Amino acid sequence: MKRIMLLLTAIILAAATGVSAKGGLTVGQRFGTQDTIVVKMPNGAKMILQVENMQQLKSFQTFSLDSLMRVVNEYVQKTERLQGNGASNTTVTVTPSGNGTSDQVVVTVEEKSGDGKVTKERHEVRINKVFKVDVEVEEGGDTSRVKINFPTRAERDSTRAKQKEDRYKATRFNFDMDLGLNALANNNDAQAVPDLSTMGSRYVALNYHLLSQVGGRRSPFYIVSGLEFAFNNYMFDGNIWPRDVNDVTSFERMTDISIQKSKITSSSVNVPLMAMLKFKGNRGKDGFHIGVGGFGGYRLGAHSKVKYTEDGRNRKDKDRNNFNLTDFQYGATGVIGYNDLTLFAKYNANTLFKENRGPESNVVSFGFRLFFD
């Protein structure tokens, strides 16, 4: 058994270092012309390493090789004790201790002996419960033949999906971002509030959402809450200059200067409360989802910015004023999407300006929601 473990150790070392067994060219240098690598062992035995391509050999580097090497010796001792008790088919599980990691190596040994000259063994190495590698060893005389079977992508995805299922939590946090546009609704007086520039009136929100699944891990029903930090830009078309005169916000159309950009920007913090249905798609991934609810919040700040040309010179005016914008925010919100594509919409039931201190109009925001897992 120690000879077999020496072979297994050589496989790992060859994959990790890329050193040729004959002390000449490296594995990477010799691999371009062959897919069978002959490794000469210190005791005179030969090991033949069969892989389909160089990527398979290199993929060993993604495994926790240090942890595997630390437990090889313990594995040998445990296997010998089991075989001393007459066991021919053994499974040995060794978990490193004291290093703060969760690496685990599971080795399954199946011995088949025919006429006494050939011995076959099969080793299953599982690291972190995700990567599983099958190593088949065939010994005859002083030659050892080793075949490595790497897990397919479907097998790895299946393992990760099972791990995710095992780590189920009914409540979890996620971070996402809303990118969209603003528009005005119920704006009956076009002279009081000018038209907004479509692409310039942007909406951005940074969201830290709390998702609570109701009814168990297979339930599609969720409650969404959390915090949202929203930034609204209202950019006006035409030569418009927003002003606050005697605590009343108005919009003056300028004739003696040329305005390139005129906008009011506000920021707010909001708390949403939404009921959502999330259905699973193929391979357990997120499928169709839809949610509707409301939100409440408070305005944090506001300012105006006007860029214009006067007497042939470019100028910029920035006024840190609240422009009589409504402090408390509330309204309806909703999302709809499939897989990673999600659309959102928000309607502010509160008017943009305080009562009798500015034009009456409501804000509608809509766009895309981007998730960061």
Protein backbone atom coordinates (compact mmCIF):
# COMPACT_ATOMS: atom_id res chain seq x y z
CA MET A 1 0.00 0.00 0.00
CA LYS A 2 2.87 2.39 0.68
CA ARG A 3 4.05 1.87 -2.88
CA ILE A 4 0.61 2.82 -4.16
CA MET A 5 0.56 5.92 -1.98
CA LEU A 6 4.00 6.81 -3.31
CA LEU A 7 2.49 6.74 -6.79
CA LEU A 8 -0.43 8.89 -5.71
CA THR A 9 2.01 11.34 -4.14
CA ALA A 10 4.02 11.41 -7.35
CA ILE A 11 0.88 12.24 -9.33
CA ILE A 12 0.21 15.23 -7.13
CA LEU A 13 3.80 16.42 -7.22
CA ALA A 14 3.99 16.00 -10.99
CA ALA A 15 0.79 17.98 -11.45
CA ALA A 16 1.82 20.70 -9.01
CA THR A 17 5.39 21.24 -10.20
CA GLY A 18 5.32 20.07 -13.81
CA VAL A 19 8.73 18.34 -13.30
CA SER A 20 9.66 15.52 -15.67
CA ALA A 21 10.40 12.17 -14.05
CA LYS A 22 13.55 11.79 -16.11
CA GLY A 23 14.96 15.10 -14.93
CA GLY A 24 14.93 16.68 -18.41
CA LEU A 25 12.22 18.77 -19.95
CA THR A 26 9.20 19.79 -17.94
CA VAL A 27 5.83 18.17 -18.43
CA GLY A 28 4.54 21.27 -20.17
CA GLN A 29 7.46 21.16 -22.63
CA ARG A 30 7.00 17.48 -23.46
CA PHE A 31 3.22 17.46 -23.46
CA GLY A 32 2.86 19.00 -26.89
CA THR A 33 3.76 15.75 -28.64
CA GLN A 34 2.24 13.11 -26.39
CA ASP A 35 -0.56 12.49 -23.90
CA THR A 36 1.23 9.78 -21.93
CA ILE A 37 3.86 10.87 -19.40
CA VAL A 38 6.36 8.33 -18.07
CA VAL A 39 7.63 9.06 -14.56
CA LYS A 40 10.59 7.17 -13.16
CA MET A 41 10.19 6.59 -9.42
CA PRO A 42 13.09 6.65 -6.93
CA ASN A 43 12.70 2.91 -6.30
CA GLY A 44 13.14 2.08 -9.98
CA ALA A 45 9.43 1.64 -10.74
CA LYS A 46 7.79 3.53 -13.60
CA MET A 47 4.56 5.46 -13.52
CA ILE A 48 2.57 6.21 -16.67
CA LEU A 49 0.30 9.24 -16.31
CA GLN A 50 -2.54 9.41 -18.85
CA VAL A 51 -4.46 12.64 -19.35
CA GLU A 52 -6.58 13.91 -22.22
CA ASN A 53 -5.01 17.37 -22.42
CA MET A 54 -2.76 19.82 -20.65
CA GLN A 55 -5.70 21.59 -19.04
CA GLN A 56 -6.52 18.43 -17.08
CA LEU A 57 -3.02 18.31 -15.68
CA LYS A 58 -2.99 22.00 -14.85
CA SER A 59 -6.37 21.77 -13.13
CA PHE A 60 -4.68 20.05 -10.19
CA GLN A 61 -3.39 23.47 -9.25
CA THR A 62 -6.91 24.52 -8.30
CA PHE A 63 -7.06 21.81 -5.66
CA SER A 64 -5.87 22.22 -2.07
CA LEU A 65 -2.65 20.29 -2.66
CA ASP A 66 -1.00 21.44 0.58
CA SER A 67 -3.83 19.99 2.64
CA LEU A 68 -3.74 16.76 0.63
CA MET A 69 -0.01 16.30 1.20
CA ARG A 70 -0.37 16.93 4.92
CA VAL A 71 -2.80 14.07 5.32
CA VAL A 72 -1.18 11.50 3.00
CA ASN A 73 0.87 10.01 5.81
CA GLU A 74 -2.15 9.74 8.10
CA TYR A 75 -4.10 8.12 5.26
CA VAL A 76 -1.40 5.47 4.80
CA GLN A 77 -1.46 4.59 8.49
CA LYS A 78 -5.25 4.33 8.64
CA THR A 79 -5.43 2.25 5.47
CA GLU A 80 -2.79 -0.17 6.73
CA ARG A 81 -4.69 -0.63 9.99
CA LEU A 82 -7.90 -1.37 8.10
CA GLN A 83 -6.20 -3.84 5.80
CA GLY A 84 -4.55 -5.45 8.82
CA ASN A 85 -8.06 -6.25 9.97
CA GLY A 86 -8.75 -8.11 6.72
CA ALA A 87 -10.53 -5.34 4.86
CA SER A 88 -10.20 -5.49 1.08
CA ASN A 89 -12.53 -2.61 0.19
CA THR A 90 -11.95 0.38 2.44
CA THR A 91 -13.06 4.00 2.63
CA VAL A 92 -10.85 6.35 4.60
CA THR A 93 -11.88 9.91 5.50
CA VAL A 94 -9.20 12.25 6.80
CA THR A 95 -9.93 15.84 7.83
CA PRO A 96 -6.96 18.09 8.58
CA SER A 97 -7.11 19.65 12.02
CA GLY A 98 -5.54 22.72 13.51
CA ASN A 99 -5.12 24.63 10.25
CA GLY A 100 -8.55 26.30 10.19
CA THR A 101 -9.54 24.82 6.84
CA SER A 102 -12.41 22.56 5.87
CA ASP A 103 -10.48 20.48 3.33
CA GLN A 104 -11.46 16.86 3.30
CA VAL A 105 -9.91 13.92 1.48
CA VAL A 106 -11.99 10.80 0.88
CA VAL A 107 -10.15 7.81 -0.61
CA THR A 108 -11.97 4.68 -1.72
CA VAL A 109 -9.75 1.67 -2.40
CA GLU A 110 -10.96 -1.30 -4.43
CA GLU A 111 -8.36 -4.05 -4.86
CA LYS A 112 -8.68 -6.69 -7.57
CA SER A 113 -6.02 -9.35 -7.89
CA GLY A 114 -6.08 -11.91 -10.72
CA ASP A 115 -3.15 -14.35 -11.01
CA GLY A 116 -1.10 -12.55 -8.41
CA LYS A 117 0.91 -10.59 -10.95
CA VAL A 118 -1.43 -7.65 -11.51
CA THR A 119 -3.08 -5.57 -8.80
CA LYS A 120 -5.65 -2.88 -9.55
CA GLU A 121 -6.73 -0.15 -7.19
CA ARG A 122 -9.13 2.75 -7.50
CA HIS A 123 -8.72 5.93 -5.47
CA GLU A 124 -11.42 8.58 -5.17
CA VAL A 125 -10.02 11.90 -3.96
CA ARG A 126 -12.56 14.51 -2.91
CA ILE A 127 -11.38 17.94 -1.84
CA ASN A 128 -13.66 20.45 -0.12
CA LYS A 129 -16.59 18.21 -1.11
CA VAL A 130 -16.59 19.87 -4.54
CA PHE A 131 -13.73 18.49 -6.62
CA LYS A 132 -13.67 14.73 -7.06
CA VAL A 133 -10.88 12.98 -8.94
CA ASP A 134 -10.81 9.24 -9.72
CA VAL A 135 -7.35 7.69 -9.84
CA GLU A 136 -7.05 4.14 -11.21
CA VAL A 137 -3.76 2.36 -10.50
CA GLU A 138 -2.65 -0.86 -12.24
CA GLU A 139 0.55 -2.55 -11.08
CA GLY A 140 2.42 -5.24 -12.94
CA GLY A 141 6.06 -6.08 -12.25
CA ASP A 142 7.97 -2.86 -11.77
CA THR A 143 5.60 -0.75 -13.89
CA SER A 144 2.64 1.19 -12.55
CA ARG A 145 -0.04 2.58 -14.84
CA VAL A 146 -2.13 5.46 -13.55
CA LYS A 147 -5.29 6.87 -15.15
CA ILE A 148 -6.89 10.09 -13.89
CA ASN A 149 -10.56 10.84 -14.50
CA PHE A 150 -11.50 14.46 -13.86
CA PRO A 151 -15.06 15.50 -12.98
CA THR A 152 -17.14 16.99 -15.78
CA ARG A 153 -18.58 20.48 -15.55
CA ALA A 154 -22.08 19.05 -15.10
CA GLU A 155 -20.86 16.97 -12.15
CA ARG A 156 -19.22 20.01 -10.55
CA ASP A 157 -22.36 22.11 -11.06
CA SER A 158 -24.46 19.34 -9.55
CA THR A 159 -22.17 19.13 -6.53
CA ARG A 160 -22.25 22.88 -5.99
CA ALA A 161 -26.05 22.92 -6.31
CA LYS A 162 -26.31 20.22 -3.66
CA GLN A 163 -23.96 22.17 -1.39
CA LYS A 164 -26.07 25.28 -1.84
CA GLU A 165 -29.16 23.25 -0.94
CA ASP A 166 -27.43 21.91 2.17
CA ARG A 167 -26.49 25.44 3.26
CA TYR A 168 -30.10 26.61 3.10
CA LYS A 169 -31.01 29.75 5.02
CA ALA A 170 -34.52 31.17 5.04
CA THR A 171 -33.20 34.74 5.29
CA ARG A 172 -30.23 36.19 3.44
CA PHE A 173 -28.81 39.52 2.30
CA ASN A 174 -27.88 40.57 -1.20
CA PHE A 175 -26.54 43.73 -2.81
CA ASP A 176 -27.98 45.09 -6.05
CA MET A 177 -28.04 48.34 -8.01
CA ASP A 178 -30.81 50.12 -9.90
CA LEU A 179 -29.91 52.03 -13.08
CA GLY A 180 -32.72 53.90 -14.79
CA LEU A 181 -34.42 57.14 -15.79
CA ASN A 182 -36.81 59.64 -14.21
CA ALA A 183 -40.00 61.05 -15.68
CA LEU A 184 -42.72 63.37 -14.38
CA ALA A 185 -46.34 62.30 -14.01
CA ASN A 186 -49.45 64.41 -13.40
CA ASN A 187 -47.58 67.42 -14.74
CA ASN A 188 -50.58 69.43 -15.89
CA ASP A 189 -48.79 72.76 -16.09
CA ALA A 190 -46.01 72.48 -18.66
CA GLN A 191 -45.09 76.11 -18.08
CA ALA A 192 -44.58 75.55 -14.36
CA VAL A 193 -42.37 72.46 -14.76
CA PRO A 194 -40.52 72.19 -18.08
CA ASP A 195 -39.98 68.90 -19.87
CA LEU A 196 -37.21 66.68 -18.60
CA SER A 197 -34.29 65.58 -20.74
CA THR A 198 -34.85 61.85 -21.17
CA MET A 199 -31.26 60.56 -21.00
CA GLY A 200 -30.04 63.24 -18.61
CA SER A 201 -32.66 62.58 -15.93
CA ARG A 202 -31.02 59.50 -14.46
CA TYR A 203 -31.95 57.39 -11.44
CA VAL A 204 -29.34 55.38 -9.49
CA ALA A 205 -29.91 53.38 -6.30
CA LEU A 206 -27.58 51.26 -4.20
CA ASN A 207 -29.63 48.59 -2.45
CA TYR A 208 -28.89 46.31 0.48
CA HIS A 209 -31.87 43.97 0.45
CA LEU A 210 -33.01 41.38 2.97
CA LEU A 211 -34.78 38.40 1.36
CA SER A 212 -36.89 36.19 3.62
CA GLN A 213 -38.32 32.98 2.16
CA VAL A 214 -41.73 32.11 3.58
CA GLY A 215 -42.97 28.50 3.60
CA GLY A 216 -39.74 26.49 3.40
CA ARG A 217 -36.91 26.03 0.94
CA ARG A 218 -39.19 25.02 -1.95
CA SER A 219 -41.60 27.93 -1.52
CA PRO A 220 -41.53 30.63 -4.24
CA PHE A 221 -42.82 33.31 -1.85
CA TYR A 222 -40.41 35.92 -0.46
CA ILE A 223 -40.61 39.11 1.56
CA VAL A 224 -38.08 41.77 0.53
CA SER A 225 -36.98 44.61 2.79
CA GLY A 226 -33.74 46.45 3.55
CA LEU A 227 -32.21 49.86 2.74
CA GLU A 228 -31.95 51.77 -0.54
CA PHE A 229 -29.80 54.85 -1.16
CA ALA A 230 -31.31 56.63 -4.17
CA PHE A 231 -29.99 59.49 -6.34
CA ASN A 232 -32.41 61.37 -8.63
CA ASN A 233 -31.32 63.70 -11.43
CA TYR A 234 -33.89 66.03 -13.02
CA MET A 235 -32.36 67.65 -16.13
CA PHE A 236 -34.43 70.26 -17.94
CA ASP A 237 -34.73 70.91 -21.69
CA GLY A 238 -34.29 74.41 -23.01
CA ASN A 239 -32.74 77.50 -21.47
CA ILE A 240 -34.20 76.78 -18.03
CA TRP A 241 -32.77 78.10 -14.74
CA PRO A 242 -34.32 76.68 -11.52
CA ARG A 243 -34.69 79.29 -8.77
CA ASP A 244 -35.93 79.46 -5.20
CA VAL A 245 -37.57 82.82 -4.61
CA ASN A 246 -39.29 83.50 -1.30
CA ASP A 247 -39.47 79.74 -0.55
CA VAL A 248 -41.21 79.02 -3.84
CA THR A 249 -39.47 77.08 -6.61
CA SER A 250 -39.91 78.34 -10.14
CA PHE A 251 -38.26 77.76 -13.52
CA GLU A 252 -37.12 80.81 -15.47
CA ARG A 253 -36.57 80.59 -19.21
CA MET A 254 -33.43 82.58 -19.99
CA THR A 255 -33.04 84.66 -23.15
CA ASP A 256 -29.72 86.45 -22.69
CA ILE A 257 -27.51 83.41 -22.03
CA SER A 258 -27.08 79.94 -23.58
CA ILE A 259 -27.52 77.09 -21.10
CA GLN A 260 -25.84 73.75 -21.89
CA LYS A 261 -26.96 71.89 -18.76
CA SER A 262 -29.52 72.65 -16.08
CA LYS A 263 -30.54 70.16 -13.42
CA ILE A 264 -31.66 69.54 -9.84
CA THR A 265 -30.19 66.54 -8.01
CA SER A 266 -31.54 64.98 -4.82
CA SER A 267 -30.59 62.00 -2.65
CA SER A 268 -32.72 59.96 -0.28
CA VAL A 269 -32.70 56.83 1.88
CA ASN A 270 -35.67 54.46 1.46
CA VAL A 271 -36.99 51.33 3.14
CA PRO A 272 -38.87 48.98 0.77
CA LEU A 273 -41.37 46.28 1.69
CA MET A 274 -42.22 43.97 -1.18
CA ALA A 275 -43.89 40.60 -1.69
CA MET A 276 -42.12 38.56 -4.38
CA LEU A 277 -42.61 35.29 -6.22
CA LYS A 278 -39.41 33.61 -7.45
CA PHE A 279 -39.59 30.45 -9.52
CA LYS A 280 -36.72 28.13 -10.38
CA GLY A 281 -35.60 27.58 -13.95
CA ASN A 282 -33.38 24.93 -15.53
CA ARG A 283 -30.67 23.33 -13.35
CA GLY A 284 -31.95 25.07 -10.25
CA LYS A 285 -31.11 28.58 -11.48
CA ASP A 286 -33.38 31.56 -10.91
CA GLY A 287 -36.23 31.71 -13.38
CA PHE A 288 -39.23 34.02 -13.64
CA HIS A 289 -39.75 36.41 -10.73
CA ILE A 290 -42.19 39.21 -9.99
CA GLY A 291 -42.70 41.44 -6.98
CA VAL A 292 -44.84 44.38 -5.88
CA GLY A 293 -44.93 46.50 -2.76
CA GLY A 294 -44.27 49.94 -1.36
CA PHE A 295 -41.51 52.08 0.09
CA GLY A 296 -40.99 54.95 2.48
CA GLY A 297 -38.01 57.21 2.95
CA TYR A 298 -36.50 60.59 3.64
CA ARG A 299 -34.68 63.09 1.46
CA LEU A 300 -31.04 63.58 2.48
CA GLY A 301 -29.97 66.52 0.33
CA ALA A 302 -30.37 68.47 -2.90
CA HIS A 303 -28.62 70.99 -5.13
CA SER A 304 -28.86 72.59 -8.56
CA LYS A 305 -26.20 72.84 -11.26
CA VAL A 306 -26.31 75.13 -14.28
CA LYS A 307 -23.64 75.28 -17.00
CA TYR A 308 -24.01 78.19 -19.41
CA THR A 309 -22.20 80.52 -21.80
CA GLU A 310 -22.20 84.26 -21.16
CA ASP A 311 -20.24 86.84 -23.14
CA GLY A 312 -18.39 84.05 -24.90
CA ARG A 313 -17.17 82.47 -21.65
CA ASN A 314 -18.24 79.12 -20.18
CA ARG A 315 -19.53 79.40 -16.62
CA LYS A 316 -20.93 77.05 -13.99
CA ASP A 317 -23.30 77.81 -11.12
CA LYS A 318 -23.98 75.36 -8.29
CA ASP A 319 -26.54 76.14 -5.60
CA ARG A 320 -26.80 73.88 -2.53
CA ASN A 321 -30.45 74.47 -1.82
CA ASN A 322 -33.29 72.06 -1.10
CA PHE A 323 -35.48 73.88 -3.67
CA ASN A 324 -38.55 73.04 -1.54
CA LEU A 325 -38.39 69.36 -2.49
CA THR A 326 -40.58 67.09 -0.38
CA ASP A 327 -38.72 65.62 2.58
CA PHE A 328 -40.69 62.42 3.15
CA GLN A 329 -40.82 59.96 0.26
CA TYR A 330 -43.38 57.18 -0.21
CA GLY A 331 -44.98 55.26 -3.03
CA ALA A 332 -45.24 51.98 -4.90
CA THR A 333 -42.47 49.81 -6.33
CA GLY A 334 -42.29 46.63 -8.35
CA VAL A 335 -39.93 44.31 -10.23
CA ILE A 336 -40.31 41.72 -12.96
CA GLY A 337 -37.72 39.60 -14.72
CA TYR A 338 -36.26 36.30 -15.74
CA ASN A 339 -32.96 34.81 -14.63
CA ASP A 340 -30.40 37.66 -14.39
CA LEU A 341 -32.56 40.20 -16.24
CA THR A 342 -34.72 42.29 -13.89
CA LEU A 343 -36.73 45.45 -14.59
CA PHE A 344 -37.88 47.79 -11.83
CA ALA A 345 -40.37 50.65 -11.59
CA LYS A 346 -41.12 53.16 -8.81
CA TYR A 347 -43.90 55.69 -8.42
CA ASN A 348 -43.58 58.47 -5.85
CA ALA A 349 -47.03 59.15 -4.45
CA ASN A 350 -45.67 62.28 -2.80
CA THR A 351 -45.36 65.35 -5.00
CA LEU A 352 -41.89 66.40 -6.11
CA PHE A 353 -42.23 69.79 -4.36
CA LYS A 354 -43.88 70.69 -1.08
CA GLU A 355 -47.47 71.86 -1.19
CA ASN A 356 -47.88 75.42 -2.46
CA ARG A 357 -44.11 75.81 -2.69
CA GLY A 358 -43.59 74.49 -6.19
CA PRO A 359 -45.40 72.92 -9.18
CA GLU A 360 -47.47 69.81 -8.49
CA SER A 361 -46.03 66.73 -10.18
CA ASN A 362 -45.02 63.19 -9.27
CA VAL A 363 -41.89 61.25 -10.16
CA VAL A 364 -41.77 57.89 -11.95
CA SER A 365 -38.45 55.96 -12.06
CA PHE A 366 -37.82 52.84 -14.15
CA GLY A 367 -34.90 50.80 -15.49
CA PHE A 368 -32.72 47.74 -14.86
CA ARG A 369 -31.68 46.07 -11.62
CA LEU A 370 -28.18 44.58 -11.48
CA PHE A 371 -27.35 41.86 -8.92
CA PHE A 372 -23.99 41.29 -7.23
CA ASP A 373 -23.78 37.76 -5.65
